[in-house]
Amino acid sequence: MEEMNLRNYAYIGDAVWELFVREKTVRMTENAKILHKLTTDKVKASYQAELLHNMELTEQEQEIVRRARNLSIPVGRRSNQAEYRQATAFEALIGWWYYVDKERLNKIFSNLDIKK
């Protein structure tokens, strides 16, 4: 399989992560306002950065994270740039797993506890 640009991995990883979160949160409530809050709390940069920080990664995965974290990305003046970079790295890793190692992605997802 041809290696993809890290930005593209992050782009796909963002979608894969949001779908995973939505699949979990949709089972928690039928209230649209609560559902939206549950979902946005899990797809925000600070949550993704925290998850990434707590993951045990292989050397190859750490290299993906390092490279993705160092991508030049537009960040608003009020945003926490370090946190945003970590979240981008998290999304790139999710996207990379999605294309390269779905078994690892599924294992990571099955070990995550998405709760209120």
C-alpha atoms as a PDB file:
ATOM      1  CA  MET A   1       0.000   0.000   0.000  1.00  0.00           C
ATOM      2  CA  GLU A   2       1.269   3.464  -0.901  1.00  0.00           C
ATOM      3  CA  GLU A   3       2.185   5.691   2.051  1.00  0.00           C
ATOM      4  CA  MET A   4      -0.208   8.597   2.482  1.00  0.00           C
ATOM      5  CA  ASN A   5       0.528  12.175   3.493  1.00  0.00           C
ATOM      6  CA  LEU A   6       0.265  12.635   7.285  1.00  0.00           C
ATOM      7  CA  ARG A   7      -2.276  15.434   6.831  1.00  0.00           C
ATOM      8  CA  ASN A   8      -4.483  12.993   4.953  1.00  0.00           C
ATOM      9  CA  TYR A   9      -4.117  10.403   7.699  1.00  0.00           C
ATOM     10  CA  ALA A  10      -5.172  13.087  10.200  1.00  0.00           C
ATOM     11  CA  TYR A  11      -8.110  14.060   7.992  1.00  0.00           C
ATOM     12  CA  ILE A  12      -9.357  10.464   7.806  1.00  0.00           C
ATOM     13  CA  GLY A  13      -8.482   9.853  11.455  1.00  0.00           C
ATOM     14  CA  ASP A  14     -10.675  12.779  12.490  1.00  0.00           C
ATOM     15  CA  ALA A  15     -13.654  11.207  10.689  1.00  0.00           C
ATOM     16  CA  VAL A  16     -12.936   7.691  11.999  1.00  0.00           C
ATOM     17  CA  TRP A  17     -12.606   9.003  15.572  1.00  0.00           C
ATOM     18  CA  GLU A  18     -15.812  11.047  15.376  1.00  0.00           C
ATOM     19  CA  LEU A  19     -17.753   8.084  13.995  1.00  0.00           C
ATOM     20  CA  PHE A  20     -16.378   5.852  16.773  1.00  0.00           C
ATOM     21  CA  VAL A  21     -17.394   8.414  19.417  1.00  0.00           C
ATOM     22  CA  ARG A  22     -20.837   8.918  17.890  1.00  0.00           C
ATOM     23  CA  GLU A  23     -21.425   5.158  17.802  1.00  0.00           C
ATOM     24  CA  LYS A  24     -20.695   5.073  21.538  1.00  0.00           C
ATOM     25  CA  THR A  25     -22.530   8.228  22.628  1.00  0.00           C
ATOM     26  CA  VAL A  26     -25.696   7.561  20.622  1.00  0.00           C
ATOM     27  CA  ARG A  27     -26.353   4.640  22.962  1.00  0.00           C
ATOM     28  CA  MET A  28     -26.088   6.825  26.057  1.00  0.00           C
ATOM     29  CA  THR A  29     -29.068   9.154  25.583  1.00  0.00           C
ATOM     30  CA  GLU A  30     -31.887  10.181  23.287  1.00  0.00           C
ATOM     31  CA  ASN A  31     -31.664  13.818  24.382  1.00  0.00           C
ATOM     32  CA  ALA A  32     -30.103  15.742  21.473  1.00  0.00           C
ATOM     33  CA  LYS A  33     -28.520  18.422  23.673  1.00  0.00           C
ATOM     34  CA  ILE A  34     -26.884  15.872  25.987  1.00  0.00           C
ATOM     35  CA  LEU A  35     -25.829  13.750  23.000  1.00  0.00           C
ATOM     36  CA  HIS A  36     -24.127  16.748  21.391  1.00  0.00           C
ATOM     37  CA  LYS A  37     -22.296  17.589  24.644  1.00  0.00           C
ATOM     38  CA  LEU A  38     -21.165  13.980  25.160  1.00  0.00           C
ATOM     39  CA  THR A  39     -19.826  13.834  21.612  1.00  0.00           C
ATOM     40  CA  THR A  40     -18.094  17.215  21.539  1.00  0.00           C
ATOM     41  CA  ASP A  41     -16.405  16.497  24.873  1.00  0.00           C
ATOM     42  CA  LYS A  42     -14.731  13.456  23.282  1.00  0.00           C
ATOM     43  CA  VAL A  43     -13.747  14.936  19.919  1.00  0.00           C
ATOM     44  CA  LYS A  44     -12.122  18.093  21.278  1.00  0.00           C
ATOM     45  CA  ALA A  45      -8.366  18.573  21.151  1.00  0.00           C
ATOM     46  CA  SER A  46      -7.783  18.398  24.911  1.00  0.00           C
ATOM     47  CA  TYR A  47      -9.442  14.972  25.197  1.00  0.00           C
ATOM     48  CA  GLN A  48      -7.569  13.594  22.183  1.00  0.00           C
ATOM     49  CA  ALA A  49      -4.252  14.933  23.511  1.00  0.00           C
ATOM     50  CA  GLU A  50      -4.926  13.279  26.878  1.00  0.00           C
ATOM     51  CA  LEU A  51      -5.736   9.941  25.229  1.00  0.00           C
ATOM     52  CA  LEU A  52      -2.579  10.090  23.138  1.00  0.00           C
ATOM     53  CA  HIS A  53      -0.491  10.888  26.216  1.00  0.00           C
ATOM     54  CA  ASN A  54      -1.798   7.768  27.964  1.00  0.00           C
ATOM     55  CA  MET A  55      -1.303   5.321  25.076  1.00  0.00           C
ATOM     56  CA  GLU A  56       1.476   2.766  24.944  1.00  0.00           C
ATOM     57  CA  LEU A  57       2.838   2.982  21.418  1.00  0.00           C
ATOM     58  CA  THR A  58       5.325   1.043  19.360  1.00  0.00           C
ATOM     59  CA  GLU A  59       8.401   2.814  17.998  1.00  0.00           C
ATOM     60  CA  GLN A  60       6.779   3.050  14.565  1.00  0.00           C
ATOM     61  CA  GLU A  61       3.630   4.572  16.072  1.00  0.00           C
ATOM     62  CA  GLN A  62       5.719   7.022  18.100  1.00  0.00           C
ATOM     63  CA  GLU A  63       7.426   8.089  14.867  1.00  0.00           C
ATOM     64  CA  ILE A  64       4.040   8.732  13.197  1.00  0.00           C
ATOM     65  CA  VAL A  65       3.017  10.804  16.227  1.00  0.00           C
ATOM     66  CA  ARG A  66       6.286  12.764  16.248  1.00  0.00           C
ATOM     67  CA  ARG A  67       6.073  13.580  12.549  1.00  0.00           C
ATOM     68  CA  ALA A  68       2.372  14.501  12.706  1.00  0.00           C
ATOM     69  CA  ARG A  69       2.879  16.645  15.800  1.00  0.00           C
ATOM     70  CA  ASN A  70       5.470  18.670  13.897  1.00  0.00           C
ATOM     71  CA  LEU A  71       3.229  19.440  10.899  1.00  0.00           C
ATOM     72  CA  SER A  72       2.626  23.122  10.313  1.00  0.00           C
ATOM     73  CA  ILE A  73      -0.992  23.714  11.217  1.00  0.00           C
ATOM     74  CA  PRO A  74      -3.147  26.813  11.495  1.00  0.00           C
ATOM     75  CA  VAL A  75      -4.068  27.437  15.117  1.00  0.00           C
ATOM     76  CA  GLY A  76      -6.178  30.324  16.358  1.00  0.00           C
ATOM     77  CA  ARG A  77      -4.498  32.787  18.681  1.00  0.00           C
ATOM     78  CA  ARG A  78      -6.562  31.657  21.661  1.00  0.00           C
ATOM     79  CA  SER A  79      -6.041  27.951  21.072  1.00  0.00           C
ATOM     80  CA  ASN A  80      -3.489  25.896  22.934  1.00  0.00           C
ATOM     81  CA  GLN A  81      -1.068  25.127  20.107  1.00  0.00           C
ATOM     82  CA  ALA A  82       0.700  22.235  21.882  1.00  0.00           C
ATOM     83  CA  GLU A  83      -2.640  20.587  22.655  1.00  0.00           C
ATOM     84  CA  TYR A  84      -3.841  21.085  19.081  1.00  0.00           C
ATOM     85  CA  ARG A  85      -0.640  19.528  17.722  1.00  0.00           C
ATOM     86  CA  GLN A  86      -1.098  16.513  20.004  1.00  0.00           C
ATOM     87  CA  ALA A  87      -4.692  16.152  18.797  1.00  0.00           C
ATOM     88  CA  THR A  88      -3.532  16.314  15.171  1.00  0.00           C
ATOM     89  CA  ALA A  89      -0.969  13.607  15.943  1.00  0.00           C
ATOM     90  CA  PHE A  90      -3.711  11.520  17.593  1.00  0.00           C
ATOM     91  CA  GLU A  91      -5.925  11.870  14.510  1.00  0.00           C
ATOM     92  CA  ALA A  92      -3.029  11.023  12.167  1.00  0.00           C
ATOM     93  CA  LEU A  93      -2.337   7.878  14.193  1.00  0.00           C
ATOM     94  CA  ILE A  94      -6.011   6.870  14.065  1.00  0.00           C
ATOM     95  CA  GLY A  95      -5.997   7.429  10.289  1.00  0.00           C
ATOM     96  CA  TRP A  96      -2.749   5.494   9.888  1.00  0.00           C
ATOM     97  CA  TRP A  97      -4.142   2.566  11.887  1.00  0.00           C
ATOM     98  CA  TYR A  98      -7.330   2.711   9.812  1.00  0.00           C
ATOM     99  CA  TYR A  99      -5.353   2.183   6.604  1.00  0.00           C
ATOM    100  CA  VAL A 100      -2.368   0.151   7.798  1.00  0.00           C
ATOM    101  CA  ASP A 101      -3.449  -1.866  10.858  1.00  0.00           C
ATOM    102  CA  LYS A 102      -7.203  -2.127  11.450  1.00  0.00           C
ATOM    103  CA  GLU A 103      -6.596  -4.892  13.984  1.00  0.00           C
ATOM    104  CA  ARG A 104      -4.558  -2.498  16.144  1.00  0.00           C
ATOM    105  CA  LEU A 105      -7.184   0.232  15.687  1.00  0.00           C
ATOM    106  CA  ASN A 106      -9.934  -2.122  16.810  1.00  0.00           C
ATOM    107  CA  LYS A 107      -7.861  -3.202  19.813  1.00  0.00           C
ATOM    108  CA  ILE A 108      -7.273   0.440  20.821  1.00  0.00           C
ATOM    109  CA  PHE A 109     -10.963   1.258  20.371  1.00  0.00           C
ATOM    110  CA  SER A 110     -12.078  -1.790  22.351  1.00  0.00           C
ATOM    111  CA  ASN A 111      -9.827  -0.750  25.260  1.00  0.00           C
ATOM    112  CA  LEU A 112     -11.182   2.811  25.379  1.00  0.00           C
ATOM    113  CA  ASP A 113     -13.911   3.512  27.876  1.00  0.00           C
ATOM    114  CA  ILE A 114     -16.098   6.302  26.480  1.00  0.00           C
ATOM    115  CA  LYS A 115     -18.470   7.333  29.252  1.00  0.00           C
ATOM    116  CA  LYS A 116     -20.385  10.350  30.394  1.00  0.00           C
END
